[in-house]
């Protein structure tokens, strides 16, 4: 099972393996408190794409398309996440304030479409 969760929410046993999918470490969170099993910076949107999107909901569809294109060359990571989430719960952790328009939600959609 693949889930998404904001890093500022309390971690729980239902999260399974927590994977941070942001390029930057979240502000105000100590690594011990984050309870992140892995930090996959390389699957996060590029700085250019992240800055262009700026969490603007009107750019959401275009962001998803650009992000999918950007990480298309990282099929090994995408396949690994798909396989891991097929065997156990994997939670993609993000720091954005917007729970509907962020890279973790887009990444989950991309993985589920594989």
PDB file of N, CA and C in Angstrom:
ATOM      1  N   UNK A   1       0.841  -1.180   0.000  1.00  0.00           N
ATOM      2  CA  UNK A   1       0.000   0.000   0.000  1.00  0.00           C
ATOM      3  C   UNK A   1       0.886   1.243   0.000  1.00  0.00           C
ATOM      4  N   UNK A   2       0.506   2.196  -0.799  1.00  0.00           N
ATOM      5  CA  UNK A   2       1.262   3.440  -0.927  1.00  0.00           C
ATOM      6  C   UNK A   2       0.416   4.571  -0.363  1.00  0.00           C
ATOM      7  N   UNK A   3       1.005   5.341   0.556  1.00  0.00           N
ATOM      8  CA  UNK A   3       0.306   6.443   1.211  1.00  0.00           C
ATOM      9  C   UNK A   3       1.165   7.700   1.133  1.00  0.00           C
ATOM     10  N   UNK A   4       0.564   8.843   1.423  1.00  0.00           N
ATOM     11  CA  UNK A   4       1.306  10.095   1.550  1.00  0.00           C
ATOM     12  C   UNK A   4       0.946  10.729   2.884  1.00  0.00           C
ATOM     13  N   UNK A   5       1.929  11.449   3.453  1.00  0.00           N
ATOM     14  CA  UNK A   5       1.699  12.065   4.755  1.00  0.00           C
ATOM     15  C   UNK A   5       2.658  13.233   4.923  1.00  0.00           C
ATOM     16  N   UNK A   6       2.157  14.277   5.530  1.00  0.00           N
ATOM     17  CA  UNK A   6       2.990  15.438   5.813  1.00  0.00           C
ATOM     18  C   UNK A   6       3.932  15.111   6.968  1.00  0.00           C
ATOM     19  N   UNK A   7       5.175  15.493   6.845  1.00  0.00           N
ATOM     20  CA  UNK A   7       6.186  15.146   7.838  1.00  0.00           C
ATOM     21  C   UNK A   7       5.893  15.753   9.200  1.00  0.00           C
ATOM     22  N   UNK A   8       5.117  16.827   9.232  1.00  0.00           N
ATOM     23  CA  UNK A   8       4.803  17.493  10.495  1.00  0.00           C
ATOM     24  C   UNK A   8       3.703  16.767  11.269  1.00  0.00           C
ATOM     25  N   UNK A   9       3.064  15.785  10.641  1.00  0.00           N
ATOM     26  CA  UNK A   9       2.087  14.946  11.333  1.00  0.00           C
ATOM     27  C   UNK A   9       2.841  13.869  12.102  1.00  0.00           C
ATOM     28  N   UNK A  10       2.262  13.413  13.195  1.00  0.00           N
ATOM     29  CA  UNK A  10       2.908  12.402  14.021  1.00  0.00           C
ATOM     30  C   UNK A  10       3.048  11.092  13.257  1.00  0.00           C
ATOM     31  N   UNK A  11       4.230  10.499  13.323  1.00  0.00           N
ATOM     32  CA  UNK A  11       4.470   9.203  12.698  1.00  0.00           C
ATOM     33  C   UNK A  11       3.685   8.132  13.463  1.00  0.00           C
ATOM     34  N   UNK A  12       3.247   7.111  12.744  1.00  0.00           N
ATOM     35  CA  UNK A  12       2.539   6.010  13.393  1.00  0.00           C
ATOM     36  C   UNK A  12       2.997   4.693  12.789  1.00  0.00           C
ATOM     37  N   UNK A  13       2.674   3.615  13.470  1.00  0.00           N
ATOM     38  CA  UNK A  13       3.060   2.290  12.983  1.00  0.00           C
ATOM     39  C   UNK A  13       2.339   1.968  11.670  1.00  0.00           C
ATOM     40  N   UNK A  14       1.204   2.615  11.420  1.00  0.00           N
ATOM     41  CA  UNK A  14       0.457   2.394  10.183  1.00  0.00           C
ATOM     42  C   UNK A  14       1.159   2.986   8.965  1.00  0.00           C
ATOM     43  N   UNK A  15       2.162   3.835   9.196  1.00  0.00           N
ATOM     44  CA  UNK A  15       2.902   4.441   8.086  1.00  0.00           C
ATOM     45  C   UNK A  15       3.791   3.437   7.365  1.00  0.00           C
ATOM     46  N   UNK A  16       4.187   2.384   8.054  1.00  0.00           N
ATOM     47  CA  UNK A  16       5.132   1.457   7.453  1.00  0.00           C
ATOM     48  C   UNK A  16       6.466   2.155   7.262  1.00  0.00           C
ATOM     49  N   UNK A  17       7.092   1.928   6.116  1.00  0.00           N
ATOM     50  CA  UNK A  17       8.362   2.590   5.821  1.00  0.00           C
ATOM     51  C   UNK A  17       8.084   4.014   5.364  1.00  0.00           C
ATOM     52  N   UNK A  18       8.683   4.980   6.057  1.00  0.00           N
ATOM     53  CA  UNK A  18       8.502   6.396   5.729  1.00  0.00           C
ATOM     54  C   UNK A  18       9.673   6.861   4.867  1.00  0.00           C
ATOM     55  N   UNK A  19       9.343   7.393   3.682  1.00  0.00           N
ATOM     56  CA  UNK A  19      10.366   7.850   2.755  1.00  0.00           C
ATOM     57  C   UNK A  19      10.138   9.329   2.454  1.00  0.00           C
ATOM     58  N   UNK A  20      11.107  10.150   2.813  1.00  0.00           N
ATOM     59  CA  UNK A  20      11.034  11.582   2.518  1.00  0.00           C
ATOM     60  C   UNK A  20      11.351  11.778   1.039  1.00  0.00           C
ATOM     61  N   UNK A  21      10.446  12.459   0.322  1.00  0.00           N
ATOM     62  CA  UNK A  21      10.608  12.631  -1.125  1.00  0.00           C
ATOM     63  C   UNK A  21      10.781  14.097  -1.503  1.00  0.00           C
ATOM     64  N   UNK A  22      11.315  14.898  -0.598  1.00  0.00           N
ATOM     65  CA  UNK A  22      11.632  16.304  -0.850  1.00  0.00           C
ATOM     66  C   UNK A  22      13.130  16.458  -1.072  1.00  0.00           C
ATOM     67  N   UNK A  23      13.508  17.432  -1.864  1.00  0.00           N
ATOM     68  CA  UNK A  23      14.927  17.698  -2.111  1.00  0.00           C
ATOM     69  C   UNK A  23      15.582  18.391  -0.921  1.00  0.00           C
ATOM     70  N   UNK A  24      14.792  19.204  -0.199  1.00  0.00           N
ATOM     71  CA  UNK A  24      15.301  19.933   0.959  1.00  0.00           C
ATOM     72  C   UNK A  24      14.770  19.315   2.247  1.00  0.00           C
ATOM     73  N   UNK A  25      15.612  19.319   3.289  1.00  0.00           N
ATOM     74  CA  UNK A  25      15.147  18.808   4.579  1.00  0.00           C
ATOM     75  C   UNK A  25      14.110  19.789   5.148  1.00  0.00           C
ATOM     76  N   UNK A  26      13.008  19.282   5.687  1.00  0.00           N
ATOM     77  CA  UNK A  26      11.945  20.156   6.219  1.00  0.00           C
ATOM     78  C   UNK A  26      12.411  21.027   7.382  1.00  0.00           C
ATOM     79  N   UNK A  27      11.961  22.259   7.382  1.00  0.00           N
ATOM     80  CA  UNK A  27      12.321  23.202   8.434  1.00  0.00           C
ATOM     81  C   UNK A  27      11.756  22.766   9.779  1.00  0.00           C
ATOM     82  N   UNK A  28      12.583  22.932  10.819  1.00  0.00           N
ATOM     83  CA  UNK A  28      12.128  22.707  12.176  1.00  0.00           C
ATOM     84  C   UNK A  28      11.953  21.260  12.585  1.00  0.00           C
ATOM     85  N   UNK A  29      12.363  20.327  11.750  1.00  0.00           N
ATOM     86  CA  UNK A  29      12.217  18.903  12.072  1.00  0.00           C
ATOM     87  C   UNK A  29      13.597  18.294  12.287  1.00  0.00           C
ATOM     88  N   UNK A  30      13.787  17.716  13.458  1.00  0.00           N
ATOM     89  CA  UNK A  30      15.037  17.005  13.719  1.00  0.00           C
ATOM     90  C   UNK A  30      14.936  15.619  13.103  1.00  0.00           C
ATOM     91  N   UNK A  31      16.056  15.122  12.633  1.00  0.00           N
ATOM     92  CA  UNK A  31      16.048  13.832  11.945  1.00  0.00           C
ATOM     93  C   UNK A  31      15.504  12.704  12.816  1.00  0.00           C
ATOM     94  N   UNK A  32      15.769  12.752  14.123  1.00  0.00           N
ATOM     95  CA  UNK A  32      15.283  11.709  15.014  1.00  0.00           C
ATOM     96  C   UNK A  32      13.748  11.742  15.102  1.00  0.00           C
ATOM     97  N   UNK A  33      13.187  12.933  15.136  1.00  0.00           N
ATOM     98  CA  UNK A  33      11.732  13.078  15.268  1.00  0.00           C
ATOM     99  C   UNK A  33      11.002  12.719  13.975  1.00  0.00           C
ATOM    100  N   UNK A  34      11.649  12.894  12.850  1.00  0.00           N
ATOM    101  CA  UNK A  34      11.013  12.656  11.552  1.00  0.00           C
ATOM    102  C   UNK A  34      10.673  11.178  11.347  1.00  0.00           C
ATOM    103  N   UNK A  35      11.439  10.311  11.962  1.00  0.00           N
ATOM    104  CA  UNK A  35      11.251   8.860  11.821  1.00  0.00           C
ATOM    105  C   UNK A  35      11.173   8.454  10.350  1.00  0.00           C
ATOM    106  N   UNK A  36      12.124   8.967   9.584  1.00  0.00           N
ATOM    107  CA  UNK A  36      12.205   8.667   8.160  1.00  0.00           C
ATOM    108  C   UNK A  36      13.193   7.523   7.965  1.00  0.00           C
ATOM    109  N   UNK A  37      12.739   6.497   7.266  1.00  0.00           N
ATOM    110  CA  UNK A  37      13.609   5.357   6.995  1.00  0.00           C
ATOM    111  C   UNK A  37      14.560   5.602   5.843  1.00  0.00           C
ATOM    112  N   UNK A  38      14.178   6.524   4.964  1.00  0.00           N
ATOM    113  CA  UNK A  38      14.989   6.807   3.782  1.00  0.00           C
ATOM    114  C   UNK A  38      14.659   8.213   3.287  1.00  0.00           C
ATOM    115  N   UNK A  39      15.661   8.870   2.734  1.00  0.00           N
ATOM    116  CA  UNK A  39      15.467  10.195   2.142  1.00  0.00           C
ATOM    117  C   UNK A  39      15.887  10.093   0.684  1.00  0.00           C
ATOM    118  N   UNK A  40      14.907  10.121  -0.212  1.00  0.00           N
ATOM    119  CA  UNK A  40      15.163   9.986  -1.648  1.00  0.00           C
ATOM    120  C   UNK A  40      15.161  11.349  -2.326  1.00  0.00           C
ATOM    121  N   UNK A  41      16.221  12.104  -2.114  1.00  0.00           N
ATOM    122  CA  UNK A  41      16.339  13.437  -2.732  1.00  0.00           C
ATOM    123  C   UNK A  41      16.297  13.344  -4.247  1.00  0.00           C
ATOM    124  N   UNK A  42      16.875  12.260  -4.769  1.00  0.00           N
ATOM    125  CA  UNK A  42      17.019  12.138  -6.217  1.00  0.00           C
ATOM    126  C   UNK A  42      15.692  11.932  -6.951  1.00  0.00           C
ATOM    127  N   UNK A  43      14.624  11.634  -6.229  1.00  0.00           N
ATOM    128  CA  UNK A  43      13.326  11.471  -6.891  1.00  0.00           C
ATOM    129  C   UNK A  43      12.446  12.713  -6.724  1.00  0.00           C
ATOM    130  N   UNK A  44      12.940  13.676  -5.997  1.00  0.00           N
ATOM    131  CA  UNK A  44      12.217  14.937  -5.793  1.00  0.00           C
ATOM    132  C   UNK A  44      12.291  15.790  -7.059  1.00  0.00           C
ATOM    133  N   UNK A  45      11.345  16.702  -7.218  1.00  0.00           N
ATOM    134  CA  UNK A  45      11.410  17.613  -8.375  1.00  0.00           C
ATOM    135  C   UNK A  45      12.692  18.450  -8.335  1.00  0.00           C
ATOM    136  N   UNK A  46      13.186  18.794  -9.493  1.00  0.00           N
ATOM    137  CA  UNK A  46      14.364  19.661  -9.576  1.00  0.00           C
ATOM    138  C   UNK A  46      14.039  21.005  -8.928  1.00  0.00           C
ATOM    139  N   UNK A  47      15.083  21.729  -8.563  1.00  0.00           N
ATOM    140  CA  UNK A  47      14.874  23.055  -7.981  1.00  0.00           C
ATOM    141  C   UNK A  47      14.118  23.960  -8.945  1.00  0.00           C
ATOM    142  N   UNK A  48      14.437  23.853 -10.234  1.00  0.00           N
ATOM    143  CA  UNK A  48      13.776  24.684 -11.234  1.00  0.00           C
ATOM    144  C   UNK A  48      12.277  24.394 -11.286  1.00  0.00           C
ATOM    145  N   UNK A  49      11.921  23.107 -11.309  1.00  0.00           N
ATOM    146  CA  UNK A  49      10.512  22.728 -11.373  1.00  0.00           C
ATOM    147  C   UNK A  49       9.788  23.107 -10.081  1.00  0.00           C
ATOM    148  N   UNK A  50      10.425  22.873  -8.968  1.00  0.00           N
ATOM    149  CA  UNK A  50       9.831  23.201  -7.665  1.00  0.00           C
ATOM    150  C   UNK A  50       9.545  24.699  -7.569  1.00  0.00           C
ATOM    151  N   UNK A  51      10.499  25.513  -7.983  1.00  0.00           N
ATOM    152  CA  UNK A  51      10.324  26.968  -7.922  1.00  0.00           C
ATOM    153  C   UNK A  51       9.272  27.443  -8.927  1.00  0.00           C
ATOM    154  N   UNK A  52       9.243  26.842 -10.109  1.00  0.00           N
ATOM    155  CA  UNK A  52       8.243  27.208 -11.108  1.00  0.00           C
ATOM    156  C   UNK A  52       6.837  26.897 -10.585  1.00  0.00           C
ATOM    157  N   UNK A  53       6.656  25.720 -10.009  1.00  0.00           N
ATOM    158  CA  UNK A  53       5.343  25.303  -9.519  1.00  0.00           C
ATOM    159  C   UNK A  53       4.885  26.169  -8.345  1.00  0.00           C
ATOM    160  N   UNK A  54       5.748  26.375  -7.374  1.00  0.00           N
ATOM    161  CA  UNK A  54       5.465  27.215  -6.207  1.00  0.00           C
ATOM    162  C   UNK A  54       4.132  26.873  -5.539  1.00  0.00           C
ATOM    163  N   UNK A  55       3.727  25.616  -5.625  1.00  0.00           N
ATOM    164  CA  UNK A  55       2.482  25.111  -5.020  1.00  0.00           C
ATOM    165  C   UNK A  55       1.250  25.904  -5.460  1.00  0.00           C
ATOM    166  N   UNK A  56       1.278  26.333  -6.716  1.00  0.00           N
ATOM    167  CA  UNK A  56       0.154  27.051  -7.298  1.00  0.00           C
ATOM    168  C   UNK A  56      -0.827  26.028  -7.887  1.00  0.00           C
ATOM    169  N   UNK A  57      -2.008  25.872  -7.283  1.00  0.00           N
ATOM    170  CA  UNK A  57      -2.962  24.871  -7.769  1.00  0.00           C
ATOM    171  C   UNK A  57      -3.321  25.024  -9.249  1.00  0.00           C
ATOM    172  N   UNK A  58      -3.233  26.229  -9.785  1.00  0.00           N
ATOM    173  CA  UNK A  58      -3.554  26.412 -11.207  1.00  0.00           C
ATOM    174  C   UNK A  58      -2.502  25.777 -12.122  1.00  0.00           C
ATOM    175  N   UNK A  59      -1.321  25.481 -11.572  1.00  0.00           N
ATOM    176  CA  UNK A  59      -0.246  24.838 -12.349  1.00  0.00           C
ATOM    177  C   UNK A  59      -0.168  23.329 -12.081  1.00  0.00           C
ATOM    178  N   UNK A  60      -1.102  22.790 -11.308  1.00  0.00           N
ATOM    179  CA  UNK A  60      -1.029  21.404 -10.839  1.00  0.00           C
ATOM    180  C   UNK A  60      -0.915  20.392 -11.980  1.00  0.00           C
ATOM    181  N   UNK A  61      -1.802  20.462 -12.960  1.00  0.00           N
ATOM    182  CA  UNK A  61      -1.766  19.482 -14.062  1.00  0.00           C
ATOM    183  C   UNK A  61      -0.457  19.577 -14.840  1.00  0.00           C
ATOM    184  N   UNK A  62      -0.017  20.788 -15.122  1.00  0.00           N
ATOM    185  CA  UNK A  62       1.248  20.971 -15.839  1.00  0.00           C
ATOM    186  C   UNK A  62       2.414  20.482 -14.992  1.00  0.00           C
ATOM    187  N   UNK A  63       2.362  20.732 -13.688  1.00  0.00           N
ATOM    188  CA  UNK A  63       3.425  20.254 -12.800  1.00  0.00           C
ATOM    189  C   UNK A  63       3.519  18.736 -12.842  1.00  0.00           C
ATOM    190  N   UNK A  64       2.377  18.051 -12.738  1.00  0.00           N
ATOM    191  CA  UNK A  64       2.395  16.585 -12.752  1.00  0.00           C
ATOM    192  C   UNK A  64       3.010  16.052 -14.044  1.00  0.00           C
ATOM    193  N   UNK A  65       2.665  16.676 -15.160  1.00  0.00           N
ATOM    194  CA  UNK A  65       3.206  16.245 -16.450  1.00  0.00           C
ATOM    195  C   UNK A  65       4.718  16.477 -16.510  1.00  0.00           C
ATOM    196  N   UNK A  66       5.147  17.649 -16.109  1.00  0.00           N
ATOM    197  CA  UNK A  66       6.583  17.965 -16.130  1.00  0.00           C
ATOM    198  C   UNK A  66       7.357  17.083 -15.158  1.00  0.00           C
ATOM    199  N   UNK A  67       6.790  16.837 -13.990  1.00  0.00           N
ATOM    200  CA  UNK A  67       7.451  16.005 -12.981  1.00  0.00           C
ATOM    201  C   UNK A  67       7.565  14.569 -13.480  1.00  0.00           C
ATOM    202  N   UNK A  68       6.506  14.041 -14.069  1.00  0.00           N
ATOM    203  CA  UNK A  68       6.550  12.675 -14.612  1.00  0.00           C
ATOM    204  C   UNK A  68       7.629  12.561 -15.688  1.00  0.00           C
ATOM    205  N   UNK A  69       7.733  13.575 -16.528  1.00  0.00           N
ATOM    206  CA  UNK A  69       8.760  13.579 -17.563  1.00  0.00           C
ATOM    207  C   UNK A  69      10.151  13.641 -16.923  1.00  0.00           C
ATOM    208  N   UNK A  70      10.282  14.477 -15.920  1.00  0.00           N
ATOM    209  CA  UNK A  70      11.569  14.670 -15.247  1.00  0.00           C
ATOM    210  C   UNK A  70      12.077  13.393 -14.582  1.00  0.00           C
ATOM    211  N   UNK A  71      11.183  12.631 -13.967  1.00  0.00           N
ATOM    212  CA  UNK A  71      11.638  11.422 -13.260  1.00  0.00           C
ATOM    213  C   UNK A  71      11.489  10.159 -14.101  1.00  0.00           C
ATOM    214  N   UNK A  72      11.096  10.332 -15.352  1.00  0.00           N
ATOM    215  CA  UNK A  72      10.958   9.185 -16.243  1.00  0.00           C
ATOM    216  C   UNK A  72      12.245   8.391 -16.404  1.00  0.00           C
ATOM    217  N   UNK A  73      13.376   9.055 -16.294  1.00  0.00           N
ATOM    218  CA  UNK A  73      14.669   8.380 -16.404  1.00  0.00           C
ATOM    219  C   UNK A  73      15.095   7.667 -15.125  1.00  0.00           C
ATOM    220  N   UNK A  74      14.273   7.747 -14.117  1.00  0.00           N
ATOM    221  CA  UNK A  74      14.595   7.103 -12.834  1.00  0.00           C
ATOM    222  C   UNK A  74      13.671   5.918 -12.598  1.00  0.00           C
ATOM    223  N   UNK A  75      13.457   5.162 -13.656  1.00  0.00           N
ATOM    224  CA  UNK A  75      12.514   4.039 -13.582  1.00  0.00           C
ATOM    225  C   UNK A  75      12.932   2.996 -12.555  1.00  0.00           C
ATOM    226  N   UNK A  76      14.236   2.862 -12.301  1.00  0.00           N
ATOM    227  CA  UNK A  76      14.676   1.900 -11.297  1.00  0.00           C
ATOM    228  C   UNK A  76      14.142   2.257  -9.908  1.00  0.00           C
ATOM    229  N   UNK A  77      14.172   3.542  -9.560  1.00  0.00           N
ATOM    230  CA  UNK A  77      13.636   3.989  -8.267  1.00  0.00           C
ATOM    231  C   UNK A  77      12.119   3.855  -8.227  1.00  0.00           C
ATOM    232  N   UNK A  78      11.471   4.224  -9.317  1.00  0.00           N
ATOM    233  CA  UNK A  78      10.018   4.123  -9.373  1.00  0.00           C
ATOM    234  C   UNK A  78       9.560   2.674  -9.234  1.00  0.00           C
ATOM    235  N   UNK A  79      10.232   1.782  -9.936  1.00  0.00           N
ATOM    236  CA  UNK A  79       9.887   0.356  -9.854  1.00  0.00           C
ATOM    237  C   UNK A  79      10.148  -0.197  -8.452  1.00  0.00           C
ATOM    238  N   UNK A  80      11.245   0.234  -7.839  1.00  0.00           N
ATOM    239  CA  UNK A  80      11.546  -0.219  -6.483  1.00  0.00           C
ATOM    240  C   UNK A  80      10.452   0.215  -5.512  1.00  0.00           C
ATOM    241  N   UNK A  81      10.015   1.470  -5.626  1.00  0.00           N
ATOM    242  CA  UNK A  81       8.943   1.958  -4.749  1.00  0.00           C
ATOM    243  C   UNK A  81       7.637   1.209  -5.013  1.00  0.00           C
ATOM    244  N   UNK A  82       7.360   0.930  -6.260  1.00  0.00           N
ATOM    245  CA  UNK A  82       6.147   0.180  -6.603  1.00  0.00           C
ATOM    246  C   UNK A  82       6.180  -1.214  -5.994  1.00  0.00           C
ATOM    247  N   UNK A  83       7.330  -1.880  -6.117  1.00  0.00           N
ATOM    248  CA  UNK A  83       7.461  -3.229  -5.561  1.00  0.00           C
ATOM    249  C   UNK A  83       7.380  -3.229  -4.038  1.00  0.00           C
ATOM    250  N   UNK A  84       8.073  -2.276  -3.407  1.00  0.00           N
ATOM    251  CA  UNK A  84       8.037  -2.192  -1.938  1.00  0.00           C
ATOM    252  C   UNK A  84       6.621  -1.952  -1.444  1.00  0.00           C
ATOM    253  N   UNK A  85       5.898  -1.073  -2.111  1.00  0.00           N
ATOM    254  CA  UNK A  85       4.538  -0.764  -1.671  1.00  0.00           C
ATOM    255  C   UNK A  85       3.562  -1.893  -1.991  1.00  0.00           C
ATOM    256  N   UNK A  86       3.949  -2.791  -2.878  1.00  0.00           N
ATOM    257  CA  UNK A  86       3.127  -3.958  -3.165  1.00  0.00           C
ATOM    258  C   UNK A  86       3.249  -5.021  -2.092  1.00  0.00           C
ATOM    259  N   UNK A  87       4.347  -4.983  -1.351  1.00  0.00           N
ATOM    260  CA  UNK A  87       4.607  -5.986  -0.309  1.00  0.00           C
ATOM    261  C   UNK A  87       4.246  -5.483   1.087  1.00  0.00           C
ATOM    262  N   UNK A  88       4.381  -4.177   1.313  1.00  0.00           N
ATOM    263  CA  UNK A  88       4.152  -3.595   2.636  1.00  0.00           C
ATOM    264  C   UNK A  88       3.768  -2.128   2.461  1.00  0.00           C
ATOM    265  N   UNK A  89       3.355  -1.507   3.547  1.00  0.00           N
ATOM    266  CA  UNK A  89       2.977  -0.103   3.494  1.00  0.00           C
ATOM    267  C   UNK A  89       4.200   0.790   3.365  1.00  0.00           C
ATOM    268  N   UNK A  90       4.149   1.706   2.425  1.00  0.00           N
ATOM    269  CA  UNK A  90       5.184   2.707   2.217  1.00  0.00           C
ATOM    270  C   UNK A  90       4.480   4.055   2.237  1.00  0.00           C
ATOM    271  N   UNK A  91       4.995   4.974   3.047  1.00  0.00           N
ATOM    272  CA  UNK A  91       4.427   6.318   3.122  1.00  0.00           C
ATOM    273  C   UNK A  91       5.422   7.319   2.564  1.00  0.00           C
ATOM    274  N   UNK A  92       4.994   8.032   1.534  1.00  0.00           N
ATOM    275  CA  UNK A  92       5.804   9.090   0.943  1.00  0.00           C
ATOM    276  C   UNK A  92       5.587  10.336   1.794  1.00  0.00           C
ATOM    277  N   UNK A  93       6.643  10.830   2.391  1.00  0.00           N
ATOM    278  CA  UNK A  93       6.557  11.938   3.329  1.00  0.00           C
ATOM    279  C   UNK A  93       7.025  13.218   2.643  1.00  0.00           C
ATOM    280  N   UNK A  94       6.281  14.300   2.866  1.00  0.00           N
ATOM    281  CA  UNK A  94       6.569  15.593   2.252  1.00  0.00           C
ATOM    282  C   UNK A  94       6.398  16.695   3.290  1.00  0.00           C
ATOM    283  N   UNK A  95       6.847  17.901   2.957  1.00  0.00           N
ATOM    284  CA  UNK A  95       6.743  19.002   3.914  1.00  0.00           C
ATOM    285  C   UNK A  95       5.803  20.125   3.479  1.00  0.00           C
ATOM    286  N   UNK A  96       5.320  20.109   2.259  1.00  0.00           N
ATOM    287  CA  UNK A  96       4.465  21.185   1.756  1.00  0.00           C
ATOM    288  C   UNK A  96       3.215  21.361   2.610  1.00  0.00           C
ATOM    289  N   UNK A  97       2.719  22.593   2.676  1.00  0.00           N
ATOM    290  CA  UNK A  97       1.500  22.875   3.441  1.00  0.00           C
ATOM    291  C   UNK A  97       0.250  22.370   2.726  1.00  0.00           C
ATOM    292  N   UNK A  98       0.283  22.373   1.409  1.00  0.00           N
ATOM    293  CA  UNK A  98      -0.868  21.954   0.604  1.00  0.00           C
ATOM    294  C   UNK A  98      -0.895  20.431   0.527  1.00  0.00           C
ATOM    295  N   UNK A  99      -1.927  19.822   1.096  1.00  0.00           N
ATOM    296  CA  UNK A  99      -2.025  18.362   1.136  1.00  0.00           C
ATOM    297  C   UNK A  99      -2.491  17.732  -0.169  1.00  0.00           C
ATOM    298  N   UNK A 100      -2.984  18.538  -1.089  1.00  0.00           N
ATOM    299  CA  UNK A 100      -3.505  18.011  -2.344  1.00  0.00           C
ATOM    300  C   UNK A 100      -2.588  18.259  -3.533  1.00  0.00           C
ATOM    301  N   UNK A 101      -1.783  19.316  -3.478  1.00  0.00           N
ATOM    302  CA  UNK A 101      -0.954  19.717  -4.608  1.00  0.00           C
ATOM    303  C   UNK A 101       0.510  19.745  -4.185  1.00  0.00           C
ATOM    304  N   UNK A 102       1.133  18.581  -4.147  1.00  0.00           N
ATOM    305  CA  UNK A 102       2.545  18.498  -3.778  1.00  0.00           C
ATOM    306  C   UNK A 102       3.192  17.325  -4.498  1.00  0.00           C
ATOM    307  N   UNK A 103       4.503  17.282  -4.460  1.00  0.00           N
ATOM    308  CA  UNK A 103       5.230  16.264  -5.220  1.00  0.00           C
ATOM    309  C   UNK A 103       4.955  14.840  -4.741  1.00  0.00           C
ATOM    310  N   UNK A 104       4.663  14.640  -3.461  1.00  0.00           N
ATOM    311  CA  UNK A 104       4.386  13.287  -2.963  1.00  0.00           C
ATOM    312  C   UNK A 104       3.086  12.751  -3.562  1.00  0.00           C
ATOM    313  N   UNK A 105       2.069  13.587  -3.651  1.00  0.00           N
ATOM    314  CA  UNK A 105       0.797  13.182  -4.264  1.00  0.00           C
ATOM    315  C   UNK A 105       1.021  12.851  -5.739  1.00  0.00           C
ATOM    316  N   UNK A 106       1.775  13.698  -6.432  1.00  0.00           N
ATOM    317  CA  UNK A 106       2.073  13.451  -7.847  1.00  0.00           C
ATOM    318  C   UNK A 106       2.882  12.167  -8.009  1.00  0.00           C
ATOM    319  N   UNK A 107       3.860  11.969  -7.145  1.00  0.00           N
ATOM    320  CA  UNK A 107       4.700  10.764  -7.218  1.00  0.00           C
ATOM    321  C   UNK A 107       3.865   9.504  -6.975  1.00  0.00           C
ATOM    322  N   UNK A 108       2.970   9.564  -6.028  1.00  0.00           N
ATOM    323  CA  UNK A 108       2.094   8.417  -5.756  1.00  0.00           C
ATOM    324  C   UNK A 108       1.287   8.071  -6.995  1.00  0.00           C
ATOM    325  N   UNK A 109       0.725   9.082  -7.656  1.00  0.00           N
ATOM    326  CA  UNK A 109      -0.039   8.844  -8.890  1.00  0.00           C
ATOM    327  C   UNK A 109       0.839   8.218  -9.968  1.00  0.00           C
ATOM    328  N   UNK A 110       2.045   8.712 -10.114  1.00  0.00           N
ATOM    329  CA  UNK A 110       2.970   8.201 -11.120  1.00  0.00           C
ATOM    330  C   UNK A 110       3.291   6.723 -10.857  1.00  0.00           C
ATOM    331  N   UNK A 111       3.581   6.412  -9.611  1.00  0.00           N
ATOM    332  CA  UNK A 111       3.924   5.030  -9.238  1.00  0.00           C
ATOM    333  C   UNK A 111       2.734   4.116  -9.461  1.00  0.00           C
ATOM    334  N   UNK A 112       1.547   4.564  -9.085  1.00  0.00           N
ATOM    335  CA  UNK A 112       0.353   3.726  -9.233  1.00  0.00           C
ATOM    336  C   UNK A 112      -0.011   3.494 -10.698  1.00  0.00           C
ATOM    337  N   UNK A 113       0.453   4.365 -11.592  1.00  0.00           N
ATOM    338  CA  UNK A 113       0.167   4.190 -13.018  1.00  0.00           C
ATOM    339  C   UNK A 113       1.165   3.274 -13.720  1.00  0.00           C
ATOM    340  N   UNK A 114       2.215   2.865 -13.018  1.00  0.00           N
ATOM    341  CA  UNK A 114       3.218   1.985 -13.628  1.00  0.00           C
ATOM    342  C   UNK A 114       2.617   0.627 -13.956  1.00  0.00           C
TER     343      UNK A 114
END
